[in-house]
Amino acid sequence: MSDGVVEAQDFHGTLFGFERVDELSKQTTSREIAMAAQAYGQEDVLVLRVQRVGAERVEMLEQPQFAS
């Protein structure tokens, strides 16, 4: 993810933070993390999830999704 995610600040100056990203990553998709950071007050966001699969599975598991 880009530093824009963890460095997103609300109007009080509170950072989005690594802890929040860690908690969200356990229960949401990359797209939802990016959208949460944007809703928190950050426009410059990149979240990319890479997952290694066995050689027998080459097809893409999930289409890339972009927060708008």
PDB file of N, CA and C in Angstrom:
ATOM      1  N   MET A   1       0.832  -1.173   0.000  1.00  0.00           N
ATOM      2  CA  MET A   1       0.000   0.000   0.000  1.00  0.00           C
ATOM      3  C   MET A   1       0.875   1.234   0.000  1.00  0.00           C
ATOM      4  N   SER A   2       0.335   2.315  -0.465  1.00  0.00           N
ATOM      5  CA  SER A   2       1.078   3.568  -0.465  1.00  0.00           C
ATOM      6  C   SER A   2       1.058   4.175   0.930  1.00  0.00           C
ATOM      7  N   ASP A   3       1.993   5.078   1.169  1.00  0.00           N
ATOM      8  CA  ASP A   3       2.029   5.742   2.466  1.00  0.00           C
ATOM      9  C   ASP A   3       0.805   6.614   2.683  1.00  0.00           C
ATOM     10  N   GLY A   4       0.098   6.934   1.607  1.00  0.00           N
ATOM     11  CA  GLY A   4      -1.109   7.728   1.721  1.00  0.00           C
ATOM     12  C   GLY A   4      -2.181   7.066   2.560  1.00  0.00           C
ATOM     13  N   VAL A   5      -2.171   5.751   2.636  1.00  0.00           N
ATOM     14  CA  VAL A   5      -3.181   5.038   3.416  1.00  0.00           C
ATOM     15  C   VAL A   5      -2.944   5.261   4.907  1.00  0.00           C
ATOM     16  N   VAL A   6      -1.771   4.913   5.406  1.00  0.00           N
ATOM     17  CA  VAL A   6      -1.507   5.026   6.842  1.00  0.00           C
ATOM     18  C   VAL A   6      -1.354   6.475   7.293  1.00  0.00           C
ATOM     19  N   GLU A   7      -0.994   7.368   6.370  1.00  0.00           N
ATOM     20  CA  GLU A   7      -0.807   8.778   6.719  1.00  0.00           C
ATOM     21  C   GLU A   7      -2.059   9.623   6.516  1.00  0.00           C
ATOM     22  N   ALA A   8      -3.156   8.996   6.102  1.00  0.00           N
ATOM     23  CA  ALA A   8      -4.411   9.735   5.980  1.00  0.00           C
ATOM     24  C   ALA A   8      -4.765  10.314   7.347  1.00  0.00           C
ATOM     25  N   GLN A   9      -5.242  11.558   7.357  1.00  0.00           N
ATOM     26  CA  GLN A   9      -5.585  12.225   8.611  1.00  0.00           C
ATOM     27  C   GLN A   9      -7.024  12.716   8.577  1.00  0.00           C
ATOM     28  N   ASP A  10      -7.681  12.596   9.724  1.00  0.00           N
ATOM     29  CA  ASP A  10      -9.015  13.174   9.829  1.00  0.00           C
ATOM     30  C   ASP A  10      -8.887  14.661  10.152  1.00  0.00           C
ATOM     31  N   PHE A  11      -9.990  15.349  10.361  1.00  0.00           N
ATOM     32  CA  PHE A  11      -9.927  16.800  10.574  1.00  0.00           C
ATOM     33  C   PHE A  11      -9.299  17.173  11.918  1.00  0.00           C
ATOM     34  N   HIS A  12      -9.094  16.201  12.827  1.00  0.00           N
ATOM     35  CA  HIS A  12      -8.398  16.441  14.090  1.00  0.00           C
ATOM     36  C   HIS A  12      -6.898  16.190  13.962  1.00  0.00           C
ATOM     37  N   GLY A  13      -6.471  15.678  12.804  1.00  0.00           N
ATOM     38  CA  GLY A  13      -5.063  15.363  12.595  1.00  0.00           C
ATOM     39  C   GLY A  13      -4.676  13.964  13.036  1.00  0.00           C
ATOM     40  N   THR A  14      -5.659  13.134  13.378  1.00  0.00           N
ATOM     41  CA  THR A  14      -5.401  11.755  13.785  1.00  0.00           C
ATOM     42  C   THR A  14      -5.099  10.913  12.553  1.00  0.00           C
ATOM     43  N   LEU A  15      -4.002  10.154  12.610  1.00  0.00           N
ATOM     44  CA  LEU A  15      -3.602   9.318  11.482  1.00  0.00           C
ATOM     45  C   LEU A  15      -4.494   8.082  11.357  1.00  0.00           C
ATOM     46  N   PHE A  16      -4.701   7.634  10.123  1.00  0.00           N
ATOM     47  CA  PHE A  16      -5.406   6.381   9.861  1.00  0.00           C
ATOM     48  C   PHE A  16      -4.641   5.235  10.503  1.00  0.00           C
ATOM     49  N   GLY A  17      -3.333   5.182  10.282  1.00  0.00           N
ATOM     50  CA  GLY A  17      -2.431   4.305  11.022  1.00  0.00           C
ATOM     51  C   GLY A  17      -2.340   2.857  10.578  1.00  0.00           C
ATOM     52  N   PHE A  18      -1.186   2.251  10.926  1.00  0.00           N
ATOM     53  CA  PHE A  18      -0.927   0.852  10.604  1.00  0.00           C
ATOM     54  C   PHE A  18      -1.876  -0.088  11.345  1.00  0.00           C
ATOM     55  N   GLU A  19      -2.218   0.242  12.590  1.00  0.00           N
ATOM     56  CA  GLU A  19      -3.088  -0.636  13.378  1.00  0.00           C
ATOM     57  C   GLU A  19      -4.460  -0.772  12.728  1.00  0.00           C
ATOM     58  N   ARG A  20      -4.992   0.339  12.246  1.00  0.00           N
ATOM     59  CA  ARG A  20      -6.303   0.308  11.588  1.00  0.00           C
ATOM     60  C   ARG A  20      -6.231  -0.511  10.301  1.00  0.00           C
ATOM     61  N   VAL A  21      -5.159  -0.328   9.528  1.00  0.00           N
ATOM     62  CA  VAL A  21      -4.985  -1.094   8.289  1.00  0.00           C
ATOM     63  C   VAL A  21      -4.877  -2.583   8.614  1.00  0.00           C
ATOM     64  N   ASP A  22      -4.129  -2.921   9.661  1.00  0.00           N
ATOM     65  CA  ASP A  22      -3.967  -4.323  10.051  1.00  0.00           C
ATOM     66  C   ASP A  22      -5.318  -4.946  10.405  1.00  0.00           C
ATOM     67  N   GLU A  23      -6.117  -4.242  11.183  1.00  0.00           N
ATOM     68  CA  GLU A  23      -7.442  -4.754  11.554  1.00  0.00           C
ATOM     69  C   GLU A  23      -8.349  -4.894  10.341  1.00  0.00           C
ATOM     70  N   LEU A  24      -8.357  -3.886   9.482  1.00  0.00           N
ATOM     71  CA  LEU A  24      -9.201  -3.941   8.291  1.00  0.00           C
ATOM     72  C   LEU A  24      -8.780  -5.067   7.355  1.00  0.00           C
ATOM     73  N   SER A  25      -7.477  -5.305   7.237  1.00  0.00           N
ATOM     74  CA  SER A  25      -6.994  -6.314   6.296  1.00  0.00           C
ATOM     75  C   SER A  25      -7.425  -7.721   6.686  1.00  0.00           C
ATOM     76  N   LYS A  26      -7.797  -7.922   7.926  1.00  0.00           N
ATOM     77  CA  LYS A  26      -8.255  -9.235   8.392  1.00  0.00           C
ATOM     78  C   LYS A  26      -9.693  -9.525   7.979  1.00  0.00           C
ATOM     79  N   GLN A  27     -10.446  -8.458   7.636  1.00  0.00           N
ATOM     80  CA  GLN A  27     -11.874  -8.662   7.403  1.00  0.00           C
ATOM     81  C   GLN A  27     -12.420  -8.005   6.141  1.00  0.00           C
ATOM     82  N   THR A  28     -11.576  -7.305   5.379  1.00  0.00           N
ATOM     83  CA  THR A  28     -12.075  -6.609   4.203  1.00  0.00           C
ATOM     84  C   THR A  28     -11.148  -6.797   3.011  1.00  0.00           C
ATOM     85  N   THR A  29     -11.588  -6.325   1.870  1.00  0.00           N
ATOM     86  CA  THR A  29     -10.790  -6.409   0.652  1.00  0.00           C
ATOM     87  C   THR A  29      -9.855  -5.206   0.541  1.00  0.00           C
ATOM     88  N   SER A  30      -8.932  -5.278  -0.378  1.00  0.00           N
ATOM     89  CA  SER A  30      -8.018  -4.166  -0.647  1.00  0.00           C
ATOM     90  C   SER A  30      -8.797  -2.923  -1.050  1.00  0.00           C
ATOM     91  N   ARG A  31      -9.808  -3.128  -1.855  1.00  0.00           N
ATOM     92  CA  ARG A  31     -10.635  -1.995  -2.313  1.00  0.00           C
ATOM     93  C   ARG A  31     -11.305  -1.308  -1.133  1.00  0.00           C
ATOM     94  N   GLU A  32     -11.816  -2.078  -0.192  1.00  0.00           N
ATOM     95  CA  GLU A  32     -12.493  -1.496   0.962  1.00  0.00           C
ATOM     96  C   GLU A  32     -11.518  -0.735   1.865  1.00  0.00           C
ATOM     97  N   ILE A  33     -10.279  -1.205   1.966  1.00  0.00           N
ATOM     98  CA  ILE A  33      -9.268  -0.479   2.735  1.00  0.00           C
ATOM     99  C   ILE A  33      -8.979   0.857   2.070  1.00  0.00           C
ATOM    100  N   ALA A  34      -8.816   0.849   0.747  1.00  0.00           N
ATOM    101  CA  ALA A  34      -8.564   2.095   0.017  1.00  0.00           C
ATOM    102  C   ALA A  34      -9.730   3.059   0.180  1.00  0.00           C
ATOM    103  N   MET A  35     -10.944   2.562   0.095  1.00  0.00           N
ATOM    104  CA  MET A  35     -12.124   3.410   0.238  1.00  0.00           C
ATOM    105  C   MET A  35     -12.225   3.977   1.653  1.00  0.00           C
ATOM    106  N   ALA A  36     -11.858   3.182   2.664  1.00  0.00           N
ATOM    107  CA  ALA A  36     -11.888   3.654   4.052  1.00  0.00           C
ATOM    108  C   ALA A  36     -10.878   4.780   4.254  1.00  0.00           C
ATOM    109  N   ALA A  37      -9.686   4.643   3.685  1.00  0.00           N
ATOM    110  CA  ALA A  37      -8.666   5.695   3.792  1.00  0.00           C
ATOM    111  C   ALA A  37      -9.124   6.963   3.079  1.00  0.00           C
ATOM    112  N   GLN A  38      -9.783   6.804   1.944  1.00  0.00           N
ATOM    113  CA  GLN A  38     -10.302   7.970   1.226  1.00  0.00           C
ATOM    114  C   GLN A  38     -11.403   8.651   2.035  1.00  0.00           C
ATOM    115  N   ALA A  39     -12.280   7.871   2.628  1.00  0.00           N
ATOM    116  CA  ALA A  39     -13.355   8.435   3.446  1.00  0.00           C
ATOM    117  C   ALA A  39     -12.795   9.118   4.687  1.00  0.00           C
ATOM    118  N   TYR A  40     -11.646   8.660   5.162  1.00  0.00           N
ATOM    119  CA  TYR A  40     -10.991   9.234   6.338  1.00  0.00           C
ATOM    120  C   TYR A  40     -10.384  10.593   6.022  1.00  0.00           C
ATOM    121  N   GLY A  41     -10.117  10.838   4.737  1.00  0.00           N
ATOM    122  CA  GLY A  41      -9.626  12.152   4.364  1.00  0.00           C
ATOM    123  C   GLY A  41      -8.413  12.154   3.453  1.00  0.00           C
ATOM    124  N   GLN A  42      -8.139  11.050   2.784  1.00  0.00           N
ATOM    125  CA  GLN A  42      -6.960  10.974   1.919  1.00  0.00           C
ATOM    126  C   GLN A  42      -7.380  10.696   0.488  1.00  0.00           C
ATOM    127  N   GLU A  43      -6.787  11.429  -0.445  1.00  0.00           N
ATOM    128  CA  GLU A  43      -7.100  11.209  -1.854  1.00  0.00           C
ATOM    129  C   GLU A  43      -6.069  10.334  -2.549  1.00  0.00           C
ATOM    130  N   ASP A  44      -4.819  10.390  -2.124  1.00  0.00           N
ATOM    131  CA  ASP A  44      -3.717   9.675  -2.751  1.00  0.00           C
ATOM    132  C   ASP A  44      -3.562   8.297  -2.106  1.00  0.00           C
ATOM    133  N   VAL A  45      -4.243   7.288  -2.667  1.00  0.00           N
ATOM    134  CA  VAL A  45      -4.296   5.976  -2.030  1.00  0.00           C
ATOM    135  C   VAL A  45      -4.005   4.870  -3.037  1.00  0.00           C
ATOM    136  N   LEU A  46      -3.167   3.921  -2.633  1.00  0.00           N
ATOM    137  CA  LEU A  46      -2.929   2.717  -3.423  1.00  0.00           C
ATOM    138  C   LEU A  46      -2.847   1.540  -2.466  1.00  0.00           C
ATOM    139  N   VAL A  47      -3.700   0.538  -2.684  1.00  0.00           N
ATOM    140  CA  VAL A  47      -3.659  -0.698  -1.904  1.00  0.00           C
ATOM    141  C   VAL A  47      -3.630  -1.838  -2.907  1.00  0.00           C
ATOM    142  N   LEU A  48      -2.652  -2.692  -2.776  1.00  0.00           N
ATOM    143  CA  LEU A  48      -2.475  -3.812  -3.692  1.00  0.00           C
ATOM    144  C   LEU A  48      -2.281  -5.075  -2.871  1.00  0.00           C
ATOM    145  N   ARG A  49      -3.080  -6.085  -3.141  1.00  0.00           N
ATOM    146  CA  ARG A  49      -2.940  -7.359  -2.435  1.00  0.00           C
ATOM    147  C   ARG A  49      -2.380  -8.380  -3.418  1.00  0.00           C
ATOM    148  N   VAL A  50      -1.282  -9.011  -3.024  1.00  0.00           N
ATOM    149  CA  VAL A  50      -0.644 -10.035  -3.855  1.00  0.00           C
ATOM    150  C   VAL A  50      -0.750 -11.356  -3.116  1.00  0.00           C
ATOM    151  N   GLN A  51      -1.212 -12.366  -3.835  1.00  0.00           N
ATOM    152  CA  GLN A  51      -1.368 -13.677  -3.233  1.00  0.00           C
ATOM    153  C   GLN A  51      -0.715 -14.702  -4.139  1.00  0.00           C
ATOM    154  N   ARG A  52       0.159 -15.500  -3.591  1.00  0.00           N
ATOM    155  CA  ARG A  52       0.816 -16.549  -4.368  1.00  0.00           C
ATOM    156  C   ARG A  52      -0.042 -17.803  -4.329  1.00  0.00           C
ATOM    157  N   VAL A  53      -0.239 -18.389  -5.510  1.00  0.00           N
ATOM    158  CA  VAL A  53      -0.991 -19.634  -5.616  1.00  0.00           C
ATOM    159  C   VAL A  53      -0.104 -20.676  -6.267  1.00  0.00           C
ATOM    160  N   GLY A  54      -0.477 -21.930  -6.163  1.00  0.00           N
ATOM    161  CA  GLY A  54       0.295 -23.005  -6.756  1.00  0.00           C
ATOM    162  C   GLY A  54       0.381 -22.886  -8.267  1.00  0.00           C
ATOM    163  N   ALA A  55       1.366 -23.534  -8.853  1.00  0.00           N
ATOM    164  CA  ALA A  55       1.605 -23.467 -10.293  1.00  0.00           C
ATOM    165  C   ALA A  55       0.418 -23.978 -11.100  1.00  0.00           C
ATOM    166  N   GLU A  56      -0.389 -24.874 -10.529  1.00  0.00           N
ATOM    167  CA  GLU A  56      -1.522 -25.416 -11.256  1.00  0.00           C
ATOM    168  C   GLU A  56      -2.662 -24.405 -11.390  1.00  0.00           C
ATOM    169  N   ARG A  57      -2.646 -23.335 -10.606  1.00  0.00           N
ATOM    170  CA  ARG A  57      -3.679 -22.296 -10.702  1.00  0.00           C
ATOM    171  C   ARG A  57      -3.045 -21.011 -11.200  1.00  0.00           C
ATOM    172  N   VAL A  58      -3.183 -20.745 -12.454  1.00  0.00           N
ATOM    173  CA  VAL A  58      -2.559 -19.581 -13.052  1.00  0.00           C
ATOM    174  C   VAL A  58      -3.569 -18.459 -13.300  1.00  0.00           C
ATOM    175  N   GLU A  59      -4.851 -18.811 -13.371  1.00  0.00           N
ATOM    176  CA  GLU A  59      -5.856 -17.794 -13.673  1.00  0.00           C
ATOM    177  C   GLU A  59      -5.899 -16.739 -12.568  1.00  0.00           C
ATOM    178  N   MET A  60      -6.375 -15.573 -12.922  1.00  0.00           N
ATOM    179  CA  MET A  60      -6.463 -14.480 -11.973  1.00  0.00           C
ATOM    180  C   MET A  60      -7.580 -14.777 -10.984  1.00  0.00           C
ATOM    181  N   LEU A  61      -7.293 -14.631  -9.699  1.00  0.00           N
ATOM    182  CA  LEU A  61      -8.280 -14.924  -8.675  1.00  0.00           C
ATOM    183  C   LEU A  61      -9.335 -13.824  -8.557  1.00  0.00           C
ATOM    184  N   GLU A  62      -8.911 -12.598  -8.732  1.00  0.00           N
ATOM    185  CA  GLU A  62      -9.830 -11.478  -8.561  1.00  0.00           C
ATOM    186  C   GLU A  62      -9.438 -10.385  -9.538  1.00  0.00           C
ATOM    187  N   GLN A  63     -10.416  -9.816 -10.198  1.00  0.00           N
ATOM    188  CA  GLN A  63     -10.143  -8.717 -11.115  1.00  0.00           C
ATOM    189  C   GLN A  63      -9.694  -7.507 -10.310  1.00  0.00           C
ATOM    190  N   PRO A  64      -8.760  -6.721 -10.811  1.00  0.00           N
ATOM    191  CA  PRO A  64      -8.356  -5.509 -10.097  1.00  0.00           C
ATOM    192  C   PRO A  64      -9.560  -4.591  -9.900  1.00  0.00           C
ATOM    193  N   GLN A  65      -9.623  -3.965  -8.746  1.00  0.00           N
ATOM    194  CA  GLN A  65     -10.710  -3.056  -8.438  1.00  0.00           C
ATOM    195  C   GLN A  65     -10.106  -1.731  -8.015  1.00  0.00           C
ATOM    196  N   PHE A  66     -10.681  -0.662  -8.476  1.00  0.00           N
ATOM    197  CA  PHE A  66     -10.182   0.662  -8.177  1.00  0.00           C
ATOM    198  C   PHE A  66     -11.239   1.439  -7.422  1.00  0.00           C
ATOM    199  N   ALA A  67     -10.839   2.054  -6.331  1.00  0.00           N
ATOM    200  CA  ALA A  67     -11.755   2.912  -5.591  1.00  0.00           C
ATOM    201  C   ALA A  67     -11.965   4.179  -6.405  1.00  0.00           C
ATOM    202  N   SER A  68     -13.183   4.632  -6.429  1.00  0.00           N
ATOM    203  CA  SER A  68     -13.454   5.855  -7.193  1.00  0.00           C
ATOM    204  C   SER A  68     -13.817   7.002  -6.292  1.00  0.00           C
TER     205      SER A  68
END
